[in-house]
Amino acid sequence: MMASSFWSAFRATFRAVFADRSVVLLLVGAAVLYSFFYPSAYSGEVPEHIPIAVVDEDNSGLSRAFLVKLGAVQQADIRARALSGREALQMMQKREVDAFVVIPSGFEQSVLRGEAGWVNLYGNGAFLLRSSTSLAGIGAALGDVGRQAGLAQAMAQGAPAAAPLDLIQRPLFNTREGYGSAVVPAVTFLIIQQTILMGLAMLAATLREQRGPYRFALPSLGGIACAFLVIGLAVVIYWTGFVFWFQDYPRAGADIVTLLVAALLFVAATVAAAMALASFLETRERPVQLWIVTSLPIYFLANLSWPAEATPQSLVWLGRLLPSTPGIHLMIGINQMGASLSEQRTEVLNLLFLILLYGGIAVWRLGTRSPAPLSQAPASPGQ
């Protein structure tokens, strides 16, 4: 009898989901739409060939060597050669360039005398990413010229030349060092949480509008939860197995069992929270209204754009009551950084606590020990 109630509710939930076009759009359509639309905004990953201007007041062999190296860096593209710093500044004010470099007169003579040579760099602070990228490219070219000049000075003075020092930078996790690779894999699990939460809450609110207050026998409640658990896991597998591969986001080759256990914990906590929330909503429109006003605060509470160490402790604890916060850190830690479950035990324990907390609320608000007719399983609109 209990198994029959469980499977009947499980099948009825799938029928109700796929009979409601709005819920299908949230649970399935949004996942597919976001998987192509959202990463496309970051497809460029890192800024390249930022337009810059140069002012060569020295016009020497060393300054020309510097400009040749500057023309070879990936981050900057020399678009103009101005006669003065004022002319270059006007170009930047007109958004013709994002940065400019001024090589003052006497630059080469200072270097040949063994003194420090000066080069002035200017960037547009209104566009921090473009400005910092272009200035980093200029700095890399300038550093290369400086090393060669230092080596030439040492050889001219008869001192033994220092051994060449090569700087090798190798990012461990965000191997492409791109903004999309850093943001999209994390925001993915926030999207999954919000779509599951809103889809389930909308279905529950529709049932309440049609039939008034309701309760389910515990086996039926378990069948409903398992149906949404399967849908959520399918969405997680779609993102981590296909979208991350298709978009070529960094993956650490995580063990598949570990990844599935992490996904199960995250989706279970999300479904439990969604059922607890759904027990308080009475109109079909309320979940969408909540989605609109809560998505951005939930994003910031996940400490993606602001470190937890610099966040007020009360907000850190508040964020820990949302499945997205430990879920994002757990999934990123395992999928992108190759961590084990034991290394992520704080996130694992956090999710287990949320499953018990919200699962208990859902059983208290929606469950009953008395047998319930199978017709009380979720129904599609119009039924």
Protein backbone atom coordinates (compact mmCIF):
# COMPACT_ATOMS: atom_id res chain seq x y z
CA MET A 1 0.00 0.00 0.00
CA MET A 2 2.79 2.41 0.92
CA ALA A 3 4.81 1.53 -2.18
CA SER A 4 1.71 1.89 -4.31
CA SER A 5 1.00 5.34 -2.90
CA PHE A 6 4.62 6.33 -3.42
CA TRP A 7 4.76 5.31 -7.10
CA SER A 8 1.30 6.68 -7.84
CA ALA A 9 2.32 10.08 -6.49
CA PHE A 10 5.64 9.83 -8.35
CA ARG A 11 3.91 9.27 -11.70
CA ALA A 12 1.16 11.80 -10.98
CA THR A 13 3.79 14.46 -10.29
CA PHE A 14 5.42 13.92 -13.67
CA ARG A 15 2.04 14.08 -15.37
CA ALA A 16 1.19 17.30 -13.54
CA VAL A 17 4.56 18.87 -14.41
CA PHE A 18 4.36 18.11 -18.11
CA ALA A 19 0.68 19.12 -18.29
CA ASP A 20 1.48 22.63 -17.02
CA ARG A 21 3.34 24.58 -19.71
CA SER A 22 4.49 27.28 -17.28
CA VAL A 23 6.06 24.71 -14.95
CA VAL A 24 7.71 22.88 -17.86
CA LEU A 25 9.11 26.18 -19.05
CA LEU A 26 10.59 26.85 -15.60
CA LEU A 27 11.98 23.38 -14.93
CA VAL A 28 13.12 22.37 -18.42
CA GLY A 29 12.87 25.32 -20.79
CA ALA A 30 14.74 27.71 -18.49
CA ALA A 31 17.59 25.23 -18.05
CA VAL A 32 18.04 24.84 -21.80
CA LEU A 33 17.58 28.55 -22.53
CA TYR A 34 20.02 29.64 -19.82
CA SER A 35 22.59 27.04 -20.88
CA PHE A 36 23.08 28.77 -24.23
CA PHE A 37 22.01 32.34 -23.55
CA TYR A 38 23.85 33.04 -20.29
CA PRO A 39 27.34 31.74 -21.24
CA SER A 40 27.18 33.60 -24.56
CA ALA A 41 27.48 36.91 -22.67
CA TYR A 42 30.91 35.79 -21.42
CA SER A 43 32.09 33.95 -24.53
CA GLY A 44 34.94 36.44 -24.92
CA GLU A 45 36.31 35.25 -21.54
CA VAL A 46 39.15 37.85 -21.31
CA PRO A 47 39.45 41.25 -23.00
CA GLU A 48 41.87 41.26 -25.90
CA HIS A 49 43.31 43.87 -28.21
CA ILE A 50 42.17 46.84 -26.13
CA PRO A 51 42.81 50.01 -28.17
CA ILE A 52 45.62 52.17 -26.78
CA ALA A 53 47.63 55.21 -27.90
CA VAL A 54 51.36 55.83 -27.52
CA VAL A 55 53.31 59.05 -27.16
CA ASP A 56 57.01 58.55 -27.98
CA GLU A 57 58.78 61.75 -26.90
CA ASP A 58 62.15 59.97 -26.74
CA ASN A 59 62.13 58.55 -30.28
CA SER A 60 65.17 56.38 -29.51
CA GLY A 61 66.15 52.82 -30.33
CA LEU A 62 65.05 51.60 -26.90
CA SER A 63 61.67 53.32 -27.10
CA ARG A 64 61.08 51.84 -30.55
CA ALA A 65 62.06 48.39 -29.25
CA PHE A 66 59.51 48.84 -26.48
CA LEU A 67 56.78 49.77 -28.98
CA VAL A 68 57.59 46.72 -31.10
CA LYS A 69 57.13 44.47 -28.07
CA LEU A 70 53.99 46.37 -27.10
CA GLY A 71 52.53 45.69 -30.54
CA ALA A 72 52.99 41.96 -29.97
CA VAL A 73 51.10 41.61 -26.67
CA GLN A 74 47.63 40.12 -26.79
CA GLN A 75 45.97 42.49 -24.37
CA ALA A 76 46.66 45.80 -26.16
CA ASP A 77 46.43 47.08 -29.71
CA ILE A 78 48.22 50.29 -30.70
CA ARG A 79 45.56 52.31 -32.52
CA ALA A 80 47.14 55.76 -32.51
CA ARG A 81 50.47 57.56 -32.08
CA ALA A 82 49.80 60.92 -30.47
CA LEU A 83 52.19 63.85 -30.42
CA SER A 84 51.56 64.76 -26.78
CA GLY A 85 49.97 63.44 -23.64
CA ARG A 86 47.18 66.01 -23.97
CA GLU A 87 46.26 64.72 -27.43
CA ALA A 88 46.24 61.12 -26.13
CA LEU A 89 44.05 62.20 -23.20
CA GLN A 90 41.53 63.70 -25.61
CA MET A 91 41.45 60.41 -27.51
CA MET A 92 40.67 58.60 -24.30
CA GLN A 93 37.94 61.08 -23.38
CA LYS A 94 36.35 60.44 -26.78
CA ARG A 95 36.51 56.66 -26.09
CA GLU A 96 38.82 56.18 -29.08
CA VAL A 97 41.32 54.45 -26.80
CA ASP A 98 41.09 52.94 -23.29
CA ALA A 99 44.66 53.66 -22.21
CA PHE A 100 47.80 55.39 -23.39
CA VAL A 101 51.50 55.31 -22.60
CA VAL A 102 53.91 58.26 -22.62
CA ILE A 103 57.63 57.60 -23.14
CA PRO A 104 59.33 60.80 -21.92
CA SER A 105 62.36 62.35 -23.54
CA GLY A 106 65.64 60.99 -22.12
CA PHE A 107 64.23 57.51 -21.50
CA GLU A 108 67.05 55.70 -23.33
CA GLN A 109 69.79 57.94 -21.90
CA SER A 110 68.62 57.23 -18.36
CA VAL A 111 68.75 53.50 -18.97
CA LEU A 112 72.20 53.66 -20.60
CA ARG A 113 73.55 55.60 -17.61
CA GLY A 114 72.35 52.82 -15.36
CA GLU A 115 69.56 54.90 -13.88
CA ALA A 116 65.88 54.07 -13.66
CA GLY A 117 63.94 54.89 -16.80
CA TRP A 118 60.41 56.28 -16.47
CA VAL A 119 57.37 55.50 -18.57
CA ASN A 120 53.95 56.93 -17.74
CA LEU A 121 50.83 54.76 -18.12
CA TYR A 122 47.27 56.13 -18.09
CA GLY A 123 44.01 54.14 -18.10
CA ASN A 124 40.30 54.95 -18.15
CA GLY A 125 39.09 54.23 -14.61
CA ALA A 126 35.45 54.18 -15.72
CA PHE A 127 36.08 50.80 -17.35
CA LEU A 128 38.20 48.97 -14.81
CA LEU A 129 38.47 45.62 -16.56
CA ARG A 130 39.44 47.02 -19.95
CA SER A 131 41.78 49.53 -18.38
CA SER A 132 43.53 47.04 -16.09
CA THR A 133 43.87 44.52 -18.92
CA SER A 134 45.46 46.98 -21.30
CA LEU A 135 47.78 48.36 -18.60
CA ALA A 136 48.78 44.81 -17.67
CA GLY A 137 49.75 44.20 -21.31
CA ILE A 138 51.77 47.40 -21.42
CA GLY A 139 53.45 46.45 -18.15
CA ALA A 140 54.38 43.02 -19.50
CA ALA A 141 56.03 44.54 -22.58
CA LEU A 142 57.78 47.14 -20.44
CA GLY A 143 59.05 44.50 -18.04
CA ASP A 144 60.53 42.51 -20.91
CA VAL A 145 62.36 45.60 -22.19
CA GLY A 146 63.57 46.34 -18.66
CA ARG A 147 65.02 42.85 -18.22
CA GLN A 148 66.89 43.07 -21.50
CA ALA A 149 68.21 46.54 -20.61
CA GLY A 150 69.35 45.32 -17.21
CA LEU A 151 71.17 42.40 -18.78
CA ALA A 152 72.88 44.73 -21.27
CA GLN A 153 73.95 47.05 -18.41
CA ALA A 154 75.44 44.14 -16.47
CA MET A 155 77.36 42.92 -19.50
CA ALA A 156 78.66 46.42 -20.24
CA GLN A 157 79.93 46.80 -16.67
CA GLY A 158 81.75 43.48 -16.86
CA ALA A 159 79.77 41.86 -14.11
CA PRO A 160 78.73 38.26 -14.65
CA ALA A 161 75.40 38.14 -16.29
CA ALA A 162 72.66 36.91 -14.06
CA ALA A 163 71.07 33.67 -14.99
CA PRO A 164 67.95 34.26 -17.05
CA LEU A 165 64.87 34.18 -14.82
CA ASP A 166 61.73 32.91 -16.45
CA LEU A 167 58.41 33.60 -14.79
CA ILE A 168 55.91 30.83 -15.46
CA GLN A 169 52.33 31.54 -14.37
CA ARG A 170 50.07 28.52 -14.29
CA PRO A 171 46.53 28.95 -12.93
CA LEU A 172 45.46 25.89 -10.99
CA PHE A 173 41.69 25.93 -11.36
CA ASN A 174 40.41 28.68 -13.66
CA THR A 175 42.87 27.58 -16.32
CA ARG A 176 41.52 29.97 -18.94
CA GLU A 177 41.57 32.85 -16.45
CA GLY A 178 38.31 34.01 -17.95
CA TYR A 179 35.41 35.80 -16.33
CA GLY A 180 32.89 33.36 -17.79
CA SER A 181 34.83 30.37 -16.47
CA ALA A 182 34.72 31.91 -13.00
CA VAL A 183 31.11 33.10 -12.93
CA VAL A 184 28.94 30.81 -15.05
CA PRO A 185 29.73 27.45 -13.32
CA ALA A 186 28.86 29.02 -9.96
CA VAL A 187 25.73 30.88 -11.06
CA THR A 188 24.52 27.69 -12.74
CA PHE A 189 23.56 26.15 -9.40
CA LEU A 190 21.76 29.31 -8.35
CA ILE A 191 19.73 29.06 -11.57
CA ILE A 192 18.97 25.39 -10.87
CA GLN A 193 17.84 26.18 -7.33
CA GLN A 194 15.57 29.01 -8.41
CA THR A 195 13.93 27.10 -11.25
CA ILE A 196 13.24 24.02 -9.09
CA LEU A 197 11.97 26.16 -6.26
CA MET A 198 9.66 28.23 -8.42
CA GLY A 199 8.42 25.31 -10.53
CA LEU A 200 7.49 23.21 -7.52
CA ALA A 201 5.98 26.16 -5.65
CA MET A 202 3.90 27.16 -8.67
CA LEU A 203 2.54 23.63 -9.01
CA ALA A 204 1.68 23.49 -5.31
CA ALA A 205 0.04 26.92 -5.35
CA THR A 206 -2.06 25.89 -8.34
CA LEU A 207 -3.25 22.82 -6.45
CA ARG A 208 -4.14 24.97 -3.46
CA GLU A 209 -6.10 27.40 -5.66
CA GLN A 210 -8.07 24.54 -7.17
CA ARG A 211 -8.69 22.36 -4.11
CA GLY A 212 -8.03 24.50 -1.07
CA PRO A 213 -5.79 23.31 1.81
CA TYR A 214 -4.40 19.83 1.25
CA ARG A 215 -2.23 17.23 2.92
CA PHE A 216 -0.56 14.09 1.60
CA ALA A 217 0.10 10.74 3.17
CA LEU A 218 3.80 10.42 3.89
CA PRO A 219 4.44 7.85 1.09
CA SER A 220 2.73 10.18 -1.39
CA LEU A 221 4.74 13.14 -0.12
CA GLY A 222 7.90 11.08 -0.61
CA GLY A 223 6.83 10.21 -4.16
CA ILE A 224 6.33 13.88 -5.01
CA ALA A 225 9.74 14.80 -3.55
CA CYS A 226 11.47 11.98 -5.46
CA ALA A 227 9.88 13.09 -8.74
CA PHE A 228 11.33 16.58 -8.34
CA LEU A 229 14.60 15.04 -7.17
CA VAL A 230 14.86 13.14 -10.47
CA ILE A 231 14.07 16.29 -12.48
CA GLY A 232 16.65 18.31 -10.53
CA LEU A 233 19.35 15.66 -10.94
CA ALA A 234 18.67 15.50 -14.67
CA VAL A 235 19.16 19.27 -14.91
CA VAL A 236 22.41 19.12 -12.90
CA ILE A 237 23.72 16.29 -15.10
CA TYR A 238 22.77 18.26 -18.21
CA TRP A 239 24.77 21.30 -17.02
CA THR A 240 27.81 19.53 -15.60
CA GLY A 241 27.94 16.79 -18.22
CA PHE A 242 27.08 18.70 -21.39
CA VAL A 243 26.98 22.47 -20.97
CA PHE A 244 30.32 22.77 -19.14
CA TRP A 245 31.92 20.51 -21.77
CA PHE A 246 30.26 22.36 -24.67
CA GLN A 247 31.33 25.76 -23.33
CA ASP A 248 34.81 24.35 -22.53
CA TYR A 249 34.72 25.44 -18.92
CA PRO A 250 37.51 24.05 -16.70
CA ARG A 251 36.76 20.72 -15.06
CA ALA A 252 38.97 18.84 -12.66
CA GLY A 253 37.97 15.36 -13.77
CA ALA A 254 36.05 14.74 -10.57
CA ASP A 255 35.10 11.19 -9.64
CA ILE A 256 31.63 10.54 -11.05
CA VAL A 257 30.34 8.96 -7.83
CA THR A 258 31.55 11.90 -5.75
CA LEU A 259 29.94 14.31 -8.19
CA LEU A 260 26.63 12.42 -8.11
CA VAL A 261 26.59 12.36 -4.30
CA ALA A 262 27.26 16.11 -4.20
CA ALA A 263 24.52 16.76 -6.77
CA LEU A 264 22.11 14.54 -4.82
CA LEU A 265 22.72 16.50 -1.62
CA PHE A 266 22.29 19.87 -3.34
CA VAL A 267 19.11 18.90 -5.20
CA ALA A 268 17.62 17.17 -2.13
CA ALA A 269 18.15 20.30 -0.03
CA THR A 270 16.65 22.43 -2.80
CA VAL A 271 13.57 20.21 -3.18
CA ALA A 272 13.06 20.14 0.61
CA ALA A 273 13.29 23.94 0.75
CA ALA A 274 10.91 24.26 -2.21
CA MET A 275 8.31 22.02 -0.57
CA ALA A 276 8.59 23.92 2.70
CA LEU A 277 8.16 27.23 0.87
CA ALA A 278 5.30 25.89 -1.25
CA SER A 279 3.33 25.04 1.88
CA PHE A 280 3.02 28.78 2.62
CA LEU A 281 2.07 30.03 -0.85
CA GLU A 282 -1.57 30.30 -1.83
CA THR A 283 -1.56 31.90 -5.28
CA ARG A 284 0.09 30.77 -8.51
CA GLU A 285 1.70 34.15 -9.14
CA ARG A 286 3.46 34.40 -5.77
CA PRO A 287 6.46 32.16 -6.68
CA VAL A 288 7.34 34.33 -9.67
CA GLN A 289 7.10 37.47 -7.53
CA LEU A 290 9.44 35.89 -5.00
CA TRP A 291 11.83 34.87 -7.78
CA ILE A 292 12.09 38.46 -8.97
CA VAL A 293 12.84 40.01 -5.59
CA THR A 294 15.05 37.26 -4.10
CA SER A 295 17.39 36.17 -6.89
CA LEU A 296 19.84 39.04 -6.58
CA PRO A 297 20.07 38.99 -2.75
CA ILE A 298 20.56 35.20 -2.87
CA TYR A 299 23.38 35.71 -5.36
CA PHE A 300 25.19 38.09 -3.02
CA LEU A 301 24.54 35.87 0.02
CA ALA A 302 26.34 33.05 -1.80
CA ASN A 303 29.57 35.09 -1.43
CA LEU A 304 30.45 34.73 -5.09
CA SER A 305 31.29 38.37 -5.67
CA TRP A 306 32.22 39.29 -2.11
CA PRO A 307 34.32 37.14 0.25
CA ALA A 308 32.64 35.68 3.32
CA GLU A 309 35.50 37.00 5.48
CA ALA A 310 34.44 40.57 4.60
CA THR A 311 30.71 39.92 5.03
CA PRO A 312 28.85 40.60 8.31
CA GLN A 313 28.56 37.37 10.26
CA SER A 314 24.75 37.62 10.44
CA LEU A 315 24.55 37.64 6.63
CA VAL A 316 26.96 34.71 6.41
CA TRP A 317 24.67 32.67 8.67
CA LEU A 318 21.63 33.80 6.69
CA GLY A 319 23.28 32.64 3.47
CA ARG A 320 23.96 29.26 5.05
CA LEU A 321 20.18 28.75 5.36
CA LEU A 322 19.91 28.75 1.55
CA PRO A 323 20.78 25.54 -0.34
CA SER A 324 22.51 27.60 -3.05
CA THR A 325 25.31 28.81 -0.75
CA PRO A 326 26.74 25.43 0.36
CA GLY A 327 25.59 23.83 -2.92
CA ILE A 328 27.59 26.22 -5.09
CA HIS A 329 30.75 25.84 -3.01
CA LEU A 330 30.36 22.05 -2.88
CA MET A 331 29.77 21.61 -6.62
CA ILE A 332 32.50 24.04 -7.63
CA GLY A 333 34.92 22.47 -5.17
CA ILE A 334 34.35 19.00 -6.57
CA ASN A 335 33.74 19.67 -10.26
CA GLN A 336 36.15 22.55 -10.90
CA MET A 337 38.78 22.05 -8.16
CA GLY A 338 38.87 18.29 -7.73
CA ALA A 339 38.09 18.28 -4.00
CA SER A 340 36.80 15.22 -2.17
CA LEU A 341 33.67 15.02 -0.03
CA SER A 342 35.77 14.92 3.14
CA GLU A 343 37.55 18.11 2.10
CA GLN A 344 34.12 19.68 1.55
CA ARG A 345 32.61 18.31 4.77
CA THR A 346 31.46 21.76 5.94
CA GLU A 347 29.29 22.14 2.84
CA VAL A 348 28.13 18.51 3.08
CA LEU A 349 27.06 18.93 6.71
CA ASN A 350 25.38 22.24 5.86
CA LEU A 351 23.31 20.59 3.13
CA LEU A 352 22.39 17.64 5.37
CA PHE A 353 21.20 20.11 8.02
CA LEU A 354 19.06 21.94 5.43
CA ILE A 355 17.56 18.66 4.21
CA LEU A 356 16.50 17.82 7.78
CA LEU A 357 15.32 21.37 8.54
CA TYR A 358 13.24 22.00 5.42
CA GLY A 359 12.20 18.35 5.08
CA GLY A 360 10.82 18.51 8.63
CA ILE A 361 8.91 21.71 7.85
CA ALA A 362 7.49 20.17 4.68
CA VAL A 363 6.31 17.04 6.54
CA TRP A 364 4.83 19.19 9.31
CA ARG A 365 2.98 21.44 6.90
CA LEU A 366 2.00 19.00 4.14
CA GLY A 367 2.19 15.47 5.52
CA THR A 368 -0.30 13.33 7.40
CA ARG A 369 -0.17 9.79 8.74
CA SER A 370 -3.70 8.99 7.60
CA PRO A 371 -4.02 7.40 4.16
CA ALA A 372 -4.86 9.93 1.49
CA PRO A 373 -6.64 9.26 -1.77
CA LEU A 374 -4.29 9.15 -4.72
CA SER A 375 -6.26 11.90 -6.35
CA GLN A 376 -4.63 14.29 -3.92
CA ALA A 377 -1.39 13.95 -5.82
CA PRO A 378 -0.44 17.06 -7.81
CA ALA A 379 -2.91 17.79 -10.53
CA SER A 380 -2.47 19.71 -13.71
CA PRO A 381 -4.37 22.95 -14.27
CA GLY A 382 -7.81 22.31 -15.48
CA GLN A 383 -8.10 18.92 -13.81
